[in-house]
Amino acid sequence: MVVDLSFEASLGVSIAAWVVIGFSTGYAVHVIPLRYLQRDNWLSRPREFEDHGRFYERRLRIRTWKDSLPEKGDIFPGGFSKRVITDRSDGFLERFVAETRRAELVHWLNAVSGPVFLIWCSWPLGVFMIGFGWAGHLPFICIQRYNRARITRTLQRRHRTQSPTQAA
């Protein structure tokens, strides 16, 4: 702890910090142009263990709980809600996939910001805040990766079944 605060003050500053971090990272990633989110990068690329999203279905039973969590992709003007797929066109689904990358990045940035709490929190409270950050954001990261895998699989199937004439 660099700044010496009481437990109550540390807790209050921590709550405010989570709100500021959440909105700041959300807005910073919101303004990233879509073209930078069109392809997977090291962070967002599928991992072998995910098995095209099946890991999340079988091990985490993600279908049973994912819809009970909030979806705030449209919290800023021009944002994109991923609550419901409203269009089945390739263009919309490709945009949806890109927006899952955006959302995943926001949640990673929030989750890894936990150590900053050690500046004003006692060691036990700081460790709790780090754990709180991971516990609060990992489910959302899993949802984005699961949805992206499912939609990507759908798009790949569509492209495989198109004849060369249809693809042109």
Foldseek 3Di string as FASTA:
>chain_A
DQAEDDQVVLVVVLVVVLVVLLVVLLVVLLPDDLVVLLDDDPVQDDDPCCVLVVCCCPVVVLVVPVLVDDFCQPVDPPGDTPNDQPDDDPVSLSSSLSSLSSQLSSLVSQLVVLQVSVNHHDPVVSVVSNVCSCVVRVSSNSVSSNSNSVSVVVVVVVVVPDDPVRVD
